[in-house]
PDB file of N, CA and C in Angstrom:
ATOM      1  N   UNK A   1       0.826  -1.205   0.000  1.00  0.00           N
ATOM      2  CA  UNK A   1       0.000   0.000   0.000  1.00  0.00           C
ATOM      3  C   UNK A   1       0.864   1.262   0.000  1.00  0.00           C
ATOM      4  N   UNK A   2       2.013   1.197   0.599  1.00  0.00           N
ATOM      5  CA  UNK A   2       2.905   2.351   0.656  1.00  0.00           C
ATOM      6  C   UNK A   2       3.333   2.796  -0.743  1.00  0.00           C
ATOM      7  N   UNK A   3       3.561   1.867  -1.650  1.00  0.00           N
ATOM      8  CA  UNK A   3       3.992   2.205  -3.000  1.00  0.00           C
ATOM      9  C   UNK A   3       2.916   2.942  -3.774  1.00  0.00           C
ATOM     10  N   UNK A   4       1.653   2.628  -3.518  1.00  0.00           N
ATOM     11  CA  UNK A   4       0.571   3.316  -4.217  1.00  0.00           C
ATOM     12  C   UNK A   4       0.552   4.801  -3.876  1.00  0.00           C
ATOM     13  N   UNK A   5       0.753   5.136  -2.612  1.00  0.00           N
ATOM     14  CA  UNK A   5       0.767   6.534  -2.212  1.00  0.00           C
ATOM     15  C   UNK A   5       1.996   7.250  -2.751  1.00  0.00           C
ATOM     16  N   UNK A   6       3.106   6.548  -2.826  1.00  0.00           N
ATOM     17  CA  UNK A   6       4.317   7.144  -3.382  1.00  0.00           C
ATOM     18  C   UNK A   6       4.117   7.487  -4.854  1.00  0.00           C
ATOM     19  N   UNK A   7       3.527   6.577  -5.594  1.00  0.00           N
ATOM     20  CA  UNK A   7       3.264   6.824  -7.015  1.00  0.00           C
ATOM     21  C   UNK A   7       2.313   8.002  -7.195  1.00  0.00           C
ATOM     22  N   UNK A   8       1.283   8.058  -6.357  1.00  0.00           N
ATOM     23  CA  UNK A   8       0.334   9.170  -6.437  1.00  0.00           C
ATOM     24  C   UNK A   8       1.038  10.492  -6.143  1.00  0.00           C
ATOM     25  N   UNK A   9       1.915  10.498  -5.162  1.00  0.00           N
ATOM     26  CA  UNK A   9       2.663  11.710  -4.839  1.00  0.00           C
ATOM     27  C   UNK A   9       3.579  12.134  -5.977  1.00  0.00           C
ATOM     28  N   UNK A  10       4.203  11.158  -6.634  1.00  0.00           N
ATOM     29  CA  UNK A  10       5.080  11.475  -7.756  1.00  0.00           C
ATOM     30  C   UNK A  10       4.292  12.047  -8.925  1.00  0.00           C
ATOM     31  N   UNK A  11       3.151  11.452  -9.219  1.00  0.00           N
ATOM     32  CA  UNK A  11       2.312  11.954 -10.309  1.00  0.00           C
ATOM     33  C   UNK A  11       1.828  13.368  -9.993  1.00  0.00           C
ATOM     34  N   UNK A  12       1.453  13.602  -8.755  1.00  0.00           N
ATOM     35  CA  UNK A  12       1.001  14.932  -8.343  1.00  0.00           C
ATOM     36  C   UNK A  12       2.129  15.957  -8.492  1.00  0.00           C
ATOM     37  N   UNK A  13       3.321  15.608  -8.050  1.00  0.00           N
ATOM     38  CA  UNK A  13       4.459  16.526  -8.144  1.00  0.00           C
ATOM     39  C   UNK A  13       4.793  16.854  -9.596  1.00  0.00           C
ATOM     40  N   UNK A  14       4.799  15.842 -10.454  1.00  0.00           N
ATOM     41  CA  UNK A  14       5.089  16.081 -11.871  1.00  0.00           C
ATOM     42  C   UNK A  14       3.993  16.933 -12.502  1.00  0.00           C
ATOM     43  N   UNK A  15       2.743  16.654 -12.172  1.00  0.00           N
ATOM     44  CA  UNK A  15       1.620  17.430 -12.728  1.00  0.00           C
ATOM     45  C   UNK A  15       1.704  18.895 -12.327  1.00  0.00           C
ATOM     46  N   UNK A  16       1.998  19.139 -11.069  1.00  0.00           N
ATOM     47  CA  UNK A  16       2.116  20.526 -10.602  1.00  0.00           C
ATOM     48  C   UNK A  16       3.306  21.208 -11.265  1.00  0.00           C
ATOM     49  N   UNK A  17       4.424  20.510 -11.365  1.00  0.00           N
ATOM     50  CA  UNK A  17       5.607  21.088 -11.998  1.00  0.00           C
ATOM     51  C   UNK A  17       5.376  21.443 -13.460  1.00  0.00           C
ATOM     52  N   UNK A  18       4.745  20.534 -14.205  1.00  0.00           N
ATOM     53  CA  UNK A  18       4.469  20.794 -15.619  1.00  0.00           C
ATOM     54  C   UNK A  18       3.463  21.930 -15.764  1.00  0.00           C
ATOM     55  N   UNK A  19       2.471  21.970 -14.894  1.00  0.00           N
ATOM     56  CA  UNK A  19       1.477  23.048 -14.951  1.00  0.00           C
ATOM     57  C   UNK A  19       2.135  24.409 -14.731  1.00  0.00           C
ATOM     58  N   UNK A  20       2.986  24.499 -13.727  1.00  0.00           N
ATOM     59  CA  UNK A  20       3.687  25.764 -13.452  1.00  0.00           C
ATOM     60  C   UNK A  20       4.564  26.153 -14.644  1.00  0.00           C
ATOM     61  N   UNK A  21       5.246  25.176 -15.231  1.00  0.00           N
ATOM     62  CA  UNK A  21       6.115  25.459 -16.375  1.00  0.00           C
ATOM     63  C   UNK A  21       5.305  25.955 -17.579  1.00  0.00           C
ATOM     64  N   UNK A  22       4.186  25.305 -17.870  1.00  0.00           N
ATOM     65  CA  UNK A  22       3.362  25.715 -19.018  1.00  0.00           C
ATOM     66  C   UNK A  22       2.770  27.105 -18.788  1.00  0.00           C
ATOM     67  N   UNK A  23       2.295  27.375 -17.591  1.00  0.00           N
ATOM     68  CA  UNK A  23       1.737  28.701 -17.297  1.00  0.00           C
ATOM     69  C   UNK A  23       2.815  29.769 -17.420  1.00  0.00           C
ATOM     70  N   UNK A  24       4.031  29.469 -16.969  1.00  0.00           N
ATOM     71  CA  UNK A  24       5.139  30.426 -17.081  1.00  0.00           C
ATOM     72  C   UNK A  24       5.481  30.704 -18.544  1.00  0.00           C
ATOM     73  N   UNK A  25       5.565  29.656 -19.355  1.00  0.00           N
ATOM     74  CA  UNK A  25       5.874  29.833 -20.779  1.00  0.00           C
ATOM     75  C   UNK A  25       4.747  30.597 -21.474  1.00  0.00           C
ATOM     76  N   UNK A  26       3.492  30.302 -21.125  1.00  0.00           N
ATOM     77  CA  UNK A  26       2.360  31.023 -21.709  1.00  0.00           C
ATOM     78  C   UNK A  26       2.425  32.507 -21.325  1.00  0.00           C
ATOM     79  N   UNK A  27       2.769  32.786 -20.068  1.00  0.00           N
ATOM     80  CA  UNK A  27       2.892  34.182 -19.625  1.00  0.00           C
ATOM     81  C   UNK A  27       3.996  34.902 -20.392  1.00  0.00           C
ATOM     82  N   UNK A  28       5.096  34.204 -20.685  1.00  0.00           N
ATOM     83  CA  UNK A  28       6.148  34.812 -21.504  1.00  0.00           C
ATOM     84  C   UNK A  28       5.642  35.099 -22.918  1.00  0.00           C
ATOM     85  N   UNK A  29       4.774  34.238 -23.436  1.00  0.00           N
ATOM     86  CA  UNK A  29       4.160  34.490 -24.742  1.00  0.00           C
ATOM     87  C   UNK A  29       3.281  35.732 -24.723  1.00  0.00           C
ATOM     88  N   UNK A  30       2.516  35.878 -23.659  1.00  0.00           N
ATOM     89  CA  UNK A  30       1.674  37.073 -23.516  1.00  0.00           C
ATOM     90  C   UNK A  30       2.551  38.321 -23.399  1.00  0.00           C
ATOM     91  N   UNK A  31       3.678  38.201 -22.711  1.00  0.00           N
ATOM     92  CA  UNK A  31       4.622  39.318 -22.626  1.00  0.00           C
ATOM     93  C   UNK A  31       5.145  39.684 -24.012  1.00  0.00           C
ATOM     94  N   UNK A  32       5.399  38.679 -24.844  1.00  0.00           N
ATOM     95  CA  UNK A  32       5.840  38.947 -26.217  1.00  0.00           C
ATOM     96  C   UNK A  32       4.788  39.706 -27.008  1.00  0.00           C
ATOM     97  N   UNK A  33       3.530  39.313 -26.843  1.00  0.00           N
ATOM     98  CA  UNK A  33       2.433  40.027 -27.520  1.00  0.00           C
ATOM     99  C   UNK A  33       2.359  41.464 -27.014  1.00  0.00           C
ATOM    100  N   UNK A  34       2.546  41.654 -25.719  1.00  0.00           N
ATOM    101  CA  UNK A  34       2.524  43.011 -25.157  1.00  0.00           C
ATOM    102  C   UNK A  34       3.662  43.857 -25.735  1.00  0.00           C
ATOM    103  N   UNK A  35       4.826  43.233 -25.958  1.00  0.00           N
ATOM    104  CA  UNK A  35       5.948  43.967 -26.578  1.00  0.00           C
ATOM    105  C   UNK A  35       5.605  44.401 -27.996  1.00  0.00           C
ATOM    106  N   UNK A  36       4.935  43.513 -28.740  1.00  0.00           N
ATOM    107  CA  UNK A  36       4.534  43.850 -30.101  1.00  0.00           C
ATOM    108  C   UNK A  36       3.575  45.034 -30.084  1.00  0.00           C
ATOM    109  N   UNK A  37       2.598  44.972 -29.198  1.00  0.00           N
ATOM    110  CA  UNK A  37       1.617  46.061 -29.119  1.00  0.00           C
ATOM    111  C   UNK A  37       2.266  47.369 -28.677  1.00  0.00           C
ATOM    112  N   UNK A  38       3.182  47.300 -27.724  1.00  0.00           N
ATOM    113  CA  UNK A  38       3.868  48.516 -27.270  1.00  0.00           C
ATOM    114  C   UNK A  38       4.702  49.117 -28.387  1.00  0.00           C
ATOM    115  N   UNK A  39       5.363  48.272 -29.162  1.00  0.00           N
ATOM    116  CA  UNK A  39       6.172  48.772 -30.275  1.00  0.00           C
ATOM    117  C   UNK A  39       5.287  49.396 -31.345  1.00  0.00           C
ATOM    118  N   UNK A  40       4.115  48.801 -31.577  1.00  0.00           N
ATOM    119  CA  UNK A  40       3.194  49.375 -32.572  1.00  0.00           C
ATOM    120  C   UNK A  40       2.694  50.741 -32.139  1.00  0.00           C
ATOM    121  N   UNK A  41       2.382  50.888 -30.855  1.00  0.00           N
ATOM    122  CA  UNK A  41       1.900  52.178 -30.361  1.00  0.00           C
ATOM    123  C   UNK A  41       2.997  53.234 -30.396  1.00  0.00           C
ATOM    124  N   UNK A  42       4.237  52.804 -30.135  1.00  0.00           N
ATOM    125  CA  UNK A  42       5.354  53.749 -30.074  1.00  0.00           C
ATOM    126  C   UNK A  42       5.827  54.183 -31.453  1.00  0.00           C
ATOM    127  N   UNK A  43       6.051  53.208 -32.337  1.00  0.00           N
ATOM    128  CA  UNK A  43       6.653  53.551 -33.621  1.00  0.00           C
ATOM    129  C   UNK A  43       5.786  53.191 -34.825  1.00  0.00           C
ATOM    130  N   UNK A  44       4.683  52.543 -34.595  1.00  0.00           N
ATOM    131  CA  UNK A  44       3.817  52.188 -35.704  1.00  0.00           C
ATOM    132  C   UNK A  44       4.140  50.852 -36.345  1.00  0.00           C
ATOM    133  N   UNK A  45       5.226  50.217 -35.914  1.00  0.00           N
ATOM    134  CA  UNK A  45       5.579  48.897 -36.442  1.00  0.00           C
ATOM    135  C   UNK A  45       5.704  47.921 -35.282  1.00  0.00           C
ATOM    136  N   UNK A  46       5.530  46.650 -35.580  1.00  0.00           N
ATOM    137  CA  UNK A  46       5.628  45.620 -34.554  1.00  0.00           C
ATOM    138  C   UNK A  46       7.062  45.274 -34.219  1.00  0.00           C
ATOM    139  N   UNK A  47       7.238  44.604 -33.115  1.00  0.00           N
ATOM    140  CA  UNK A  47       8.558  44.167 -32.678  1.00  0.00           C
ATOM    141  C   UNK A  47       8.775  42.724 -33.123  1.00  0.00           C
ATOM    142  N   UNK A  48       9.812  42.494 -33.929  1.00  0.00           N
ATOM    143  CA  UNK A  48      10.095  41.142 -34.410  1.00  0.00           C
ATOM    144  C   UNK A  48      10.482  40.232 -33.248  1.00  0.00           C
ATOM    145  N   UNK A  49      11.220  40.768 -32.283  1.00  0.00           N
ATOM    146  CA  UNK A  49      11.621  39.970 -31.129  1.00  0.00           C
ATOM    147  C   UNK A  49      10.398  39.539 -30.314  1.00  0.00           C
ATOM    148  N   UNK A  50       9.500  40.455 -30.075  1.00  0.00           N
ATOM    149  CA  UNK A  50       8.287  40.135 -29.320  1.00  0.00           C
ATOM    150  C   UNK A  50       7.421  39.132 -30.051  1.00  0.00           C
ATOM    151  N   UNK A  51       7.317  39.290 -31.359  1.00  0.00           N
ATOM    152  CA  UNK A  51       6.508  38.366 -32.151  1.00  0.00           C
ATOM    153  C   UNK A  51       7.130  36.970 -32.162  1.00  0.00           C
ATOM    154  N   UNK A  52       8.440  36.904 -32.282  1.00  0.00           N
ATOM    155  CA  UNK A  52       9.131  35.619 -32.244  1.00  0.00           C
ATOM    156  C   UNK A  52       8.976  34.961 -30.878  1.00  0.00           C
ATOM    157  N   UNK A  53       9.134  35.754 -29.823  1.00  0.00           N
ATOM    158  CA  UNK A  53       8.980  35.239 -28.462  1.00  0.00           C
ATOM    159  C   UNK A  53       7.580  34.680 -28.261  1.00  0.00           C
ATOM    160  N   UNK A  54       6.581  35.427 -28.658  1.00  0.00           N
ATOM    161  CA  UNK A  54       5.200  34.978 -28.491  1.00  0.00           C
ATOM    162  C   UNK A  54       4.936  33.708 -29.293  1.00  0.00           C
ATOM    163  N   UNK A  55       5.397  33.684 -30.527  1.00  0.00           N
ATOM    164  CA  UNK A  55       5.171  32.519 -31.372  1.00  0.00           C
ATOM    165  C   UNK A  55       5.813  31.263 -30.807  1.00  0.00           C
ATOM    166  N   UNK A  56       7.068  31.364 -30.383  1.00  0.00           N
ATOM    167  CA  UNK A  56       7.757  30.204 -29.821  1.00  0.00           C
ATOM    168  C   UNK A  56       7.097  29.721 -28.532  1.00  0.00           C
ATOM    169  N   UNK A  57       6.710  30.641 -27.687  1.00  0.00           N
ATOM    170  CA  UNK A  57       6.073  30.258 -26.423  1.00  0.00           C
ATOM    171  C   UNK A  57       4.725  29.589 -26.656  1.00  0.00           C
ATOM    172  N   UNK A  58       3.927  30.121 -27.559  1.00  0.00           N
ATOM    173  CA  UNK A  58       2.612  29.536 -27.813  1.00  0.00           C
ATOM    174  C   UNK A  58       2.735  28.183 -28.511  1.00  0.00           C
ATOM    175  N   UNK A  59       3.721  28.039 -29.394  1.00  0.00           N
ATOM    176  CA  UNK A  59       3.946  26.736 -30.037  1.00  0.00           C
ATOM    177  C   UNK A  59       4.385  25.709 -28.994  1.00  0.00           C
ATOM    178  N   UNK A  60       5.246  26.113 -28.068  1.00  0.00           N
ATOM    179  CA  UNK A  60       5.693  25.204 -27.013  1.00  0.00           C
ATOM    180  C   UNK A  60       4.516  24.770 -26.133  1.00  0.00           C
ATOM    181  N   UNK A  61       3.650  25.706 -25.779  1.00  0.00           N
ATOM    182  CA  UNK A  61       2.472  25.364 -24.969  1.00  0.00           C
ATOM    183  C   UNK A  61       1.550  24.415 -25.725  1.00  0.00           C
ATOM    184  N   UNK A  62       1.334  24.689 -26.992  1.00  0.00           N
ATOM    185  CA  UNK A  62       0.471  23.817 -27.796  1.00  0.00           C
ATOM    186  C   UNK A  62       1.067  22.419 -27.907  1.00  0.00           C
ATOM    187  N   UNK A  63       2.381  22.330 -28.043  1.00  0.00           N
ATOM    188  CA  UNK A  63       3.036  21.025 -28.139  1.00  0.00           C
ATOM    189  C   UNK A  63       2.857  20.228 -26.850  1.00  0.00           C
ATOM    190  N   UNK A  64       2.969  20.886 -25.711  1.00  0.00           N
ATOM    191  CA  UNK A  64       2.781  20.195 -24.434  1.00  0.00           C
ATOM    192  C   UNK A  64       1.334  19.711 -24.301  1.00  0.00           C
ATOM    193  N   UNK A  65       0.380  20.531 -24.700  1.00  0.00           N
ATOM    194  CA  UNK A  65      -1.026  20.134 -24.621  1.00  0.00           C
ATOM    195  C   UNK A  65      -1.306  18.959 -25.550  1.00  0.00           C
ATOM    196  N   UNK A  66      -0.814  19.009 -26.772  1.00  0.00           N
ATOM    197  CA  UNK A  66      -1.022  17.915 -27.721  1.00  0.00           C
ATOM    198  C   UNK A  66      -0.378  16.634 -27.205  1.00  0.00           C
ATOM    199  N   UNK A  67       0.815  16.738 -26.628  1.00  0.00           N
ATOM    200  CA  UNK A  67       1.477  15.558 -26.077  1.00  0.00           C
ATOM    201  C   UNK A  67       0.671  14.980 -24.910  1.00  0.00           C
ATOM    202  N   UNK A  68       0.127  15.834 -24.078  1.00  0.00           N
ATOM    203  CA  UNK A  68      -0.721  15.368 -22.979  1.00  0.00           C
ATOM    204  C   UNK A  68      -1.958  14.646 -23.478  1.00  0.00           C
ATOM    205  N   UNK A  69      -2.585  15.183 -24.514  1.00  0.00           N
ATOM    206  CA  UNK A  69      -3.752  14.520 -25.096  1.00  0.00           C
ATOM    207  C   UNK A  69      -3.341  13.186 -25.696  1.00  0.00           C
ATOM    208  N   UNK A  70      -2.188  13.143 -26.337  1.00  0.00           N
ATOM    209  CA  UNK A  70      -1.690  11.894 -26.898  1.00  0.00           C
ATOM    210  C   UNK A  70      -1.502  10.831 -25.807  1.00  0.00           C
ATOM    211  N   UNK A  71      -0.996  11.246 -24.654  1.00  0.00           N
ATOM    212  CA  UNK A  71      -0.783  10.300 -23.569  1.00  0.00           C
ATOM    213  C   UNK A  71      -2.097   9.818 -22.953  1.00  0.00           C
ATOM    214  N   UNK A  72      -3.110  10.662 -22.952  1.00  0.00           N
ATOM    215  CA  UNK A  72      -4.369  10.323 -22.317  1.00  0.00           C
ATOM    216  C   UNK A  72      -5.257   9.455 -23.208  1.00  0.00           C
ATOM    217  N   UNK A  73      -5.321   9.744 -24.501  1.00  0.00           N
ATOM    218  CA  UNK A  73      -6.246   9.063 -25.405  1.00  0.00           C
ATOM    219  C   UNK A  73      -5.593   7.782 -25.947  1.00  0.00           C
ATOM    220  N   UNK A  74      -6.132   6.637 -25.607  1.00  0.00           N
ATOM    221  CA  UNK A  74      -5.491   5.370 -26.011  1.00  0.00           C
ATOM    222  C   UNK A  74      -5.548   5.091 -27.515  1.00  0.00           C
ATOM    223  N   UNK A  75      -6.461   5.674 -28.252  1.00  0.00           N
ATOM    224  CA  UNK A  75      -6.568   5.422 -29.686  1.00  0.00           C
ATOM    225  C   UNK A  75      -5.347   5.944 -30.441  1.00  0.00           C
ATOM    226  N   UNK A  76      -4.609   6.877 -29.854  1.00  0.00           N
ATOM    227  CA  UNK A  76      -3.457   7.470 -30.522  1.00  0.00           C
ATOM    228  C   UNK A  76      -2.208   6.616 -30.401  1.00  0.00           C
ATOM    229  N   UNK A  77      -2.235   5.594 -29.580  1.00  0.00           N
ATOM    230  CA  UNK A  77      -1.029   4.767 -29.366  1.00  0.00           C
ATOM    231  C   UNK A  77      -0.952   3.653 -30.357  1.00  0.00           C
TER     232      UNK A  77
END
């Protein structure tokens, strides 16, 4: 019985860690969008760095979500 609780604790720790990481990366993506908007208001053109940052962060978040769905849905295996 002790091993069952250990496994549950490990799954919980990994889930919380991945959730915090995905939320952090998503927040960095939102920061990139904010940089683009700030650059547009200031100079009339977007910021390539902000757009690249946002794109990479959102793609990374989408990849993690798709991988999670792949792990959950047995038809994909």
